[in-house]
PDB file of N, CA and C in Angstrom:
ATOM      1  N   MET A   1     -38.973  -3.575  -3.273  1.00  0.00           N
ATOM      2  CA  MET A   1     -38.007  -3.488  -4.306  1.00  0.00           C
ATOM      3  C   MET A   1     -36.899  -2.665  -4.118  1.00  0.00           C
ATOM      4  N   PRO A   2     -35.586  -3.094  -3.916  1.00  0.00           N
ATOM      5  CA  PRO A   2     -34.553  -2.258  -3.682  1.00  0.00           C
ATOM      6  C   PRO A   2     -34.373  -1.136  -4.825  1.00  0.00           C
ATOM      7  N   SER A   3     -33.942   0.054  -4.236  1.00  0.00           N
ATOM      8  CA  SER A   3     -33.590   1.107  -5.196  1.00  0.00           C
ATOM      9  C   SER A   3     -32.344   0.953  -5.997  1.00  0.00           C
ATOM     10  N   ILE A   4     -32.249   1.711  -7.005  1.00  0.00           N
ATOM     11  CA  ILE A   4     -31.008   1.493  -7.936  1.00  0.00           C
ATOM     12  C   ILE A   4     -30.399   2.758  -7.561  1.00  0.00           C
ATOM     13  N   VAL A   5     -28.966   2.522  -7.398  1.00  0.00           N
ATOM     14  CA  VAL A   5     -28.052   3.732  -7.159  1.00  0.00           C
ATOM     15  C   VAL A   5     -27.045   3.735  -8.279  1.00  0.00           C
ATOM     16  N   ARG A   6     -27.076   5.081  -9.122  1.00  0.00           N
ATOM     17  CA  ARG A   6     -26.111   4.920  -9.968  1.00  0.00           C
ATOM     18  C   ARG A   6     -24.945   6.068  -9.687  1.00  0.00           C
ATOM     19  N   PHE A   7     -23.836   5.709  -9.945  1.00  0.00           N
ATOM     20  CA  PHE A   7     -22.678   6.600  -9.752  1.00  0.00           C
ATOM     21  C   PHE A   7     -21.543   6.496 -10.710  1.00  0.00           C
ATOM     22  N   ASP A   8     -20.722   7.689 -10.899  1.00  0.00           N
ATOM     23  CA  ASP A   8     -19.772   7.603 -12.008  1.00  0.00           C
ATOM     24  C   ASP A   8     -18.470   6.907 -11.343  1.00  0.00           C
ATOM     25  N   THR A   9     -17.951   5.856 -11.903  1.00  0.00           N
ATOM     26  CA  THR A   9     -16.843   5.085 -11.279  1.00  0.00           C
ATOM     27  C   THR A   9     -15.604   5.439 -12.000  1.00  0.00           C
ATOM     28  N   THR A  10     -15.790   6.391 -13.011  1.00  0.00           N
ATOM     29  CA  THR A  10     -14.581   6.744 -13.831  1.00  0.00           C
ATOM     30  C   THR A  10     -13.260   7.167 -13.054  1.00  0.00           C
ATOM     31  N   ILE A  11     -12.048   6.628 -13.449  1.00  0.00           N
ATOM     32  CA  ILE A  11     -10.760   7.007 -12.817  1.00  0.00           C
ATOM     33  C   ILE A  11     -10.106   7.538 -13.941  1.00  0.00           C
ATOM     34  N   SER A  12      -9.554   8.789 -14.003  1.00  0.00           N
ATOM     35  CA  SER A  12      -8.795   9.070 -15.164  1.00  0.00           C
ATOM     36  C   SER A  12      -7.396   9.768 -14.537  1.00  0.00           C
ATOM     37  N   ASN A  13      -6.459  10.100 -15.403  1.00  0.00           N
ATOM     38  CA  ASN A  13      -5.128  10.484 -15.080  1.00  0.00           C
ATOM     39  C   ASN A  13      -5.035  12.228 -15.460  1.00  0.00           C
ATOM     40  N   SER A  14      -6.217  12.740 -15.286  1.00  0.00           N
ATOM     41  CA  SER A  14      -6.331  14.088 -15.561  1.00  0.00           C
ATOM     42  C   SER A  14      -7.135  14.836 -14.429  1.00  0.00           C
ATOM     43  N   SER A  15      -6.482  15.554 -13.570  1.00  0.00           N
ATOM     44  CA  SER A  15      -7.180  16.072 -12.327  1.00  0.00           C
ATOM     45  C   SER A  15      -7.611  17.521 -12.557  1.00  0.00           C
ATOM     46  N   PRO A  16      -8.670  17.861 -12.091  1.00  0.00           N
ATOM     47  CA  PRO A  16      -9.251  19.363 -12.220  1.00  0.00           C
ATOM     48  C   PRO A  16      -8.191  20.189 -11.286  1.00  0.00           C
ATOM     49  N   ASP A  17      -7.512  19.562 -10.396  1.00  0.00           N
ATOM     50  CA  ASP A  17      -6.566  20.265  -9.385  1.00  0.00           C
ATOM     51  C   ASP A  17      -5.201  20.293  -9.963  1.00  0.00           C
ATOM     52  N   ALA A  18      -4.828  19.938 -11.222  1.00  0.00           N
ATOM     53  CA  ALA A  18      -3.434  19.540 -11.695  1.00  0.00           C
ATOM     54  C   ALA A  18      -2.561  20.776 -11.489  1.00  0.00           C
ATOM     55  N   GLU A  19      -2.985  22.109 -11.481  1.00  0.00           N
ATOM     56  CA  GLU A  19      -2.160  23.194 -11.328  1.00  0.00           C
ATOM     57  C   GLU A  19      -1.774  23.418  -9.892  1.00  0.00           C
ATOM     58  N   LYS A  20      -2.840  23.030  -8.975  1.00  0.00           N
ATOM     59  CA  LYS A  20      -2.324  23.271  -7.554  1.00  0.00           C
ATOM     60  C   LYS A  20      -1.487  21.997  -7.158  1.00  0.00           C
ATOM     61  N   ILE A  21      -1.571  20.918  -7.785  1.00  0.00           N
ATOM     62  CA  ILE A  21      -0.622  19.758  -7.562  1.00  0.00           C
ATOM     63  C   ILE A  21       0.833  19.966  -7.956  1.00  0.00           C
ATOM     64  N   THR A  22       0.809  20.640  -9.127  1.00  0.00           N
ATOM     65  CA  THR A  22       2.084  21.032  -9.797  1.00  0.00           C
ATOM     66  C   THR A  22       2.781  21.949  -8.803  1.00  0.00           C
ATOM     67  N   ASN A  23       1.986  23.065  -8.325  1.00  0.00           N
ATOM     68  CA  ASN A  23       2.654  24.024  -7.441  1.00  0.00           C
ATOM     69  C   ASN A  23       3.173  23.411  -6.074  1.00  0.00           C
ATOM     70  N   LEU A  24       2.355  22.406  -5.582  1.00  0.00           N
ATOM     71  CA  LEU A  24       2.774  21.646  -4.441  1.00  0.00           C
ATOM     72  C   LEU A  24       4.162  20.903  -4.556  1.00  0.00           C
ATOM     73  N   THR A  25       4.144  20.354  -5.647  1.00  0.00           N
ATOM     74  CA  THR A  25       5.238  19.343  -5.786  1.00  0.00           C
ATOM     75  C   THR A  25       6.565  20.103  -6.544  1.00  0.00           C
ATOM     76  N   GLY A  26       6.472  21.387  -6.858  1.00  0.00           N
ATOM     77  CA  GLY A  26       7.673  22.105  -7.344  1.00  0.00           C
ATOM     78  C   GLY A  26       7.656  21.731  -8.848  1.00  0.00           C
ATOM     79  N   GLY A  27       6.898  21.263  -9.470  1.00  0.00           N
ATOM     80  CA  GLY A  27       7.108  20.979 -10.965  1.00  0.00           C
ATOM     81  C   GLY A  27       7.579  19.395 -11.113  1.00  0.00           C
ATOM     82  N   VAL A  28       7.788  18.620 -10.018  1.00  0.00           N
ATOM     83  CA  VAL A  28       8.277  17.266 -10.199  1.00  0.00           C
ATOM     84  C   VAL A  28       7.249  16.514 -10.975  1.00  0.00           C
ATOM     85  N   GLU A  29       7.672  15.540 -11.909  1.00  0.00           N
ATOM     86  CA  GLU A  29       6.957  14.626 -12.519  1.00  0.00           C
ATOM     87  C   GLU A  29       6.013  13.861 -11.626  1.00  0.00           C
ATOM     88  N   VAL A  30       4.801  13.922 -11.855  1.00  0.00           N
ATOM     89  CA  VAL A  30       3.815  13.041 -11.083  1.00  0.00           C
ATOM     90  C   VAL A  30       2.834  12.269 -11.976  1.00  0.00           C
ATOM     91  N   THR A  31       2.211  11.354 -11.466  1.00  0.00           N
ATOM     92  CA  THR A  31       1.253  10.675 -12.142  1.00  0.00           C
ATOM     93  C   THR A  31       0.029  10.892 -11.267  1.00  0.00           C
ATOM     94  N   THR A  32      -1.065  11.226 -11.956  1.00  0.00           N
ATOM     95  CA  THR A  32      -2.280  11.652 -11.154  1.00  0.00           C
ATOM     96  C   THR A  32      -3.481  10.709 -11.516  1.00  0.00           C
ATOM     97  N   LEU A  33      -4.120  10.403 -10.600  1.00  0.00           N
ATOM     98  CA  LEU A  33      -5.360   9.549 -10.567  1.00  0.00           C
ATOM     99  C   LEU A  33      -6.595  10.245  -9.983  1.00  0.00           C
ATOM    100  N   HIS A  34      -7.592  10.524 -10.912  1.00  0.00           N
ATOM    101  CA  HIS A  34      -8.563  11.256 -10.305  1.00  0.00           C
ATOM    102  C   HIS A  34      -9.927  10.454 -10.320  1.00  0.00           C
ATOM    103  N   PHE A  35     -10.606  10.337  -9.232  1.00  0.00           N
ATOM    104  CA  PHE A  35     -11.587   9.470  -9.020  1.00  0.00           C
ATOM    105  C   PHE A  35     -12.799  10.445  -9.136  1.00  0.00           C
ATOM    106  N   ASN A  36     -13.746  10.147 -10.123  1.00  0.00           N
ATOM    107  CA  ASN A  36     -15.031  11.146 -10.230  1.00  0.00           C
ATOM    108  C   ASN A  36     -15.998  10.921  -9.068  1.00  0.00           C
ATOM    109  N   TYR A  37     -16.060   9.881  -8.416  1.00  0.00           N
ATOM    110  CA  TYR A  37     -17.129   9.539  -7.487  1.00  0.00           C
ATOM    111  C   TYR A  37     -16.308   9.678  -6.015  1.00  0.00           C
ATOM    112  N   HIS A  38     -16.782  10.252  -5.176  1.00  0.00           N
ATOM    113  CA  HIS A  38     -16.163  10.451  -3.767  1.00  0.00           C
ATOM    114  C   HIS A  38     -16.937   9.924  -2.747  1.00  0.00           C
ATOM    115  N   VAL A  39     -16.704   8.848  -2.064  1.00  0.00           N
ATOM    116  CA  VAL A  39     -17.357   8.400  -1.035  1.00  0.00           C
ATOM    117  C   VAL A  39     -16.616   7.643   0.126  1.00  0.00           C
ATOM    118  N   GLU A  40     -17.057   7.660   1.284  1.00  0.00           N
ATOM    119  CA  GLU A  40     -16.215   6.854   2.196  1.00  0.00           C
ATOM    120  C   GLU A  40     -16.609   5.276   2.084  1.00  0.00           C
ATOM    121  N   LEU A  41     -15.589   4.606   1.928  1.00  0.00           N
ATOM    122  CA  LEU A  41     -15.691   3.053   1.705  1.00  0.00           C
ATOM    123  C   LEU A  41     -16.116   2.428   2.965  1.00  0.00           C
ATOM    124  N   SER A  42     -16.874   1.480   2.808  1.00  0.00           N
ATOM    125  CA  SER A  42     -17.216   0.772   4.082  1.00  0.00           C
ATOM    126  C   SER A  42     -16.192  -0.326   4.396  1.00  0.00           C
ATOM    127  N   GLY A  43     -15.068  -0.601   3.767  1.00  0.00           N
ATOM    128  CA  GLY A  43     -14.098  -1.550   4.040  1.00  0.00           C
ATOM    129  C   GLY A  43     -12.941  -1.190   3.384  1.00  0.00           C
ATOM    130  N   LYS A  44     -11.952  -2.349   3.349  1.00  0.00           N
ATOM    131  CA  LYS A  44     -10.669  -1.960   2.661  1.00  0.00           C
ATOM    132  C   LYS A  44     -10.844  -2.342   1.237  1.00  0.00           C
ATOM    133  N   VAL A  45      -9.834  -1.751   0.468  1.00  0.00           N
ATOM    134  CA  VAL A  45      -9.908  -1.713  -0.947  1.00  0.00           C
ATOM    135  C   VAL A  45      -8.334  -1.964  -1.404  1.00  0.00           C
ATOM    136  N   THR A  46      -8.189  -2.906  -2.139  1.00  0.00           N
ATOM    137  CA  THR A  46      -6.911  -3.029  -2.846  1.00  0.00           C
ATOM    138  C   THR A  46      -6.931  -2.635  -4.273  1.00  0.00           C
ATOM    139  N   MET A  47      -6.143  -1.796  -4.672  1.00  0.00           N
ATOM    140  CA  MET A  47      -5.923  -1.297  -6.160  1.00  0.00           C
ATOM    141  C   MET A  47      -4.535  -1.558  -6.642  1.00  0.00           C
ATOM    142  N   ARG A  48      -4.321  -2.140  -7.856  1.00  0.00           N
ATOM    143  CA  ARG A  48      -3.084  -2.288  -8.418  1.00  0.00           C
ATOM    144  C   ARG A  48      -3.102  -1.272  -9.781  1.00  0.00           C
ATOM    145  N   ILE A  49      -2.025  -0.412  -9.808  1.00  0.00           N
ATOM    146  CA  ILE A  49      -2.129   0.415 -10.765  1.00  0.00           C
ATOM    147  C   ILE A  49      -0.655   0.597 -11.597  1.00  0.00           C
ATOM    148  N   LEU A  50      -0.818   0.207 -12.835  1.00  0.00           N
ATOM    149  CA  LEU A  50       0.355   0.070 -13.682  1.00  0.00           C
ATOM    150  C   LEU A  50       0.778   1.466 -14.152  1.00  0.00           C
ATOM    151  N   VAL A  51       2.126   1.789 -13.787  1.00  0.00           N
ATOM    152  CA  VAL A  51       2.656   3.143 -14.166  1.00  0.00           C
ATOM    153  C   VAL A  51       3.719   2.789 -15.191  1.00  0.00           C
ATOM    154  N   ALA A  52       3.381   3.167 -16.537  1.00  0.00           N
ATOM    155  CA  ALA A  52       4.230   2.692 -17.604  1.00  0.00           C
ATOM    156  C   ALA A  52       5.727   3.258 -17.376  1.00  0.00           C
ATOM    157  N   GLY A  53       6.622   2.712 -17.552  1.00  0.00           N
ATOM    158  CA  GLY A  53       8.212   3.070 -17.410  1.00  0.00           C
ATOM    159  C   GLY A  53       8.635   2.985 -16.038  1.00  0.00           C
ATOM    160  N   LYS A  54       7.957   2.547 -15.186  1.00  0.00           N
ATOM    161  CA  LYS A  54       8.315   2.667 -13.566  1.00  0.00           C
ATOM    162  C   LYS A  54       8.594   1.255 -13.010  1.00  0.00           C
ATOM    163  N   ALA A  55       8.579   0.259 -13.787  1.00  0.00           N
ATOM    164  CA  ALA A  55       8.767  -1.126 -13.213  1.00  0.00           C
ATOM    165  C   ALA A  55      10.035  -1.241 -12.325  1.00  0.00           C
ATOM    166  N   GLY A  56       9.813  -1.719 -11.132  1.00  0.00           N
ATOM    167  CA  GLY A  56      10.946  -2.010 -10.230  1.00  0.00           C
ATOM    168  C   GLY A  56      11.259  -0.710  -9.472  1.00  0.00           C
ATOM    169  N   GLU A  57      10.821   0.541  -9.678  1.00  0.00           N
ATOM    170  CA  GLU A  57      11.029   1.610  -9.045  1.00  0.00           C
ATOM    171  C   GLU A  57      10.100   1.830  -7.763  1.00  0.00           C
ATOM    172  N   THR A  58      10.642   2.509  -6.769  1.00  0.00           N
ATOM    173  CA  THR A  58       9.783   2.687  -5.763  1.00  0.00           C
ATOM    174  C   THR A  58       8.991   4.152  -5.860  1.00  0.00           C
ATOM    175  N   LEU A  59       7.816   4.060  -5.740  1.00  0.00           N
ATOM    176  CA  LEU A  59       6.862   5.280  -6.116  1.00  0.00           C
ATOM    177  C   LEU A  59       6.217   5.651  -4.628  1.00  0.00           C
ATOM    178  N   ASN A  60       5.967   6.807  -4.402  1.00  0.00           N
ATOM    179  CA  ASN A  60       5.323   7.346  -3.293  1.00  0.00           C
ATOM    180  C   ASN A  60       3.805   7.711  -3.600  1.00  0.00           C
ATOM    181  N   LEU A  61       3.008   7.446  -2.828  1.00  0.00           N
ATOM    182  CA  LEU A  61       1.646   7.695  -3.192  1.00  0.00           C
ATOM    183  C   LEU A  61       1.149   8.779  -2.072  1.00  0.00           C
ATOM    184  N   TYR A  62       0.362   9.911  -2.625  1.00  0.00           N
ATOM    185  CA  TYR A  62      -0.069  10.847  -1.844  1.00  0.00           C
ATOM    186  C   TYR A  62      -1.554  11.139  -2.159  1.00  0.00           C
ATOM    187  N   TYR A  63      -2.227  11.616  -1.173  1.00  0.00           N
ATOM    188  CA  TYR A  63      -3.648  12.033  -1.398  1.00  0.00           C
ATOM    189  C   TYR A  63      -3.733  13.449  -1.408  1.00  0.00           C
ATOM    190  N   PHE A  64      -4.445  14.084  -2.497  1.00  0.00           N
ATOM    191  CA  PHE A  64      -4.656  15.471  -2.458  1.00  0.00           C
ATOM    192  C   PHE A  64      -6.190  15.733  -2.320  1.00  0.00           C
ATOM    193  N   GLY A  65      -6.650  16.327  -1.234  1.00  0.00           N
ATOM    194  CA  GLY A  65      -8.169  16.717  -1.224  1.00  0.00           C
ATOM    195  C   GLY A  65      -8.323  18.092  -1.202  1.00  0.00           C
ATOM    196  N   ALA A  66      -8.904  18.694  -2.252  1.00  0.00           N
ATOM    197  CA  ALA A  66      -8.963  20.208  -2.083  1.00  0.00           C
ATOM    198  C   ALA A  66     -10.038  20.565  -1.015  1.00  0.00           C
ATOM    199  N   ALA A  67      -9.585  21.723  -0.380  1.00  0.00           N
ATOM    200  CA  ALA A  67     -10.536  22.067   0.793  1.00  0.00           C
ATOM    201  C   ALA A  67     -11.557  23.052   0.318  1.00  0.00           C
TER     202      ALA A  67
END
C-alpha cells in the first residue's frame, strides 16, 4: 500500500522575510508570494498570478531565498 505524504501547499502574500526584502529593494513597492512548502520540483511548472491594478504593465520576478 502506498504511503500518504501530506504537505502544506499554502501560498500567501506575506513573507517572514518581508523586512529583508524591503531593505534589498530600497522600499520600492513589491508584491510578495510566500510558499510554505519548499521542494525541488521534478518538472516544469507554469503559474499565472493576477496582480491587481497592474494589468498591461511589465513586472519583474525575483526569487529570494534566505541563506
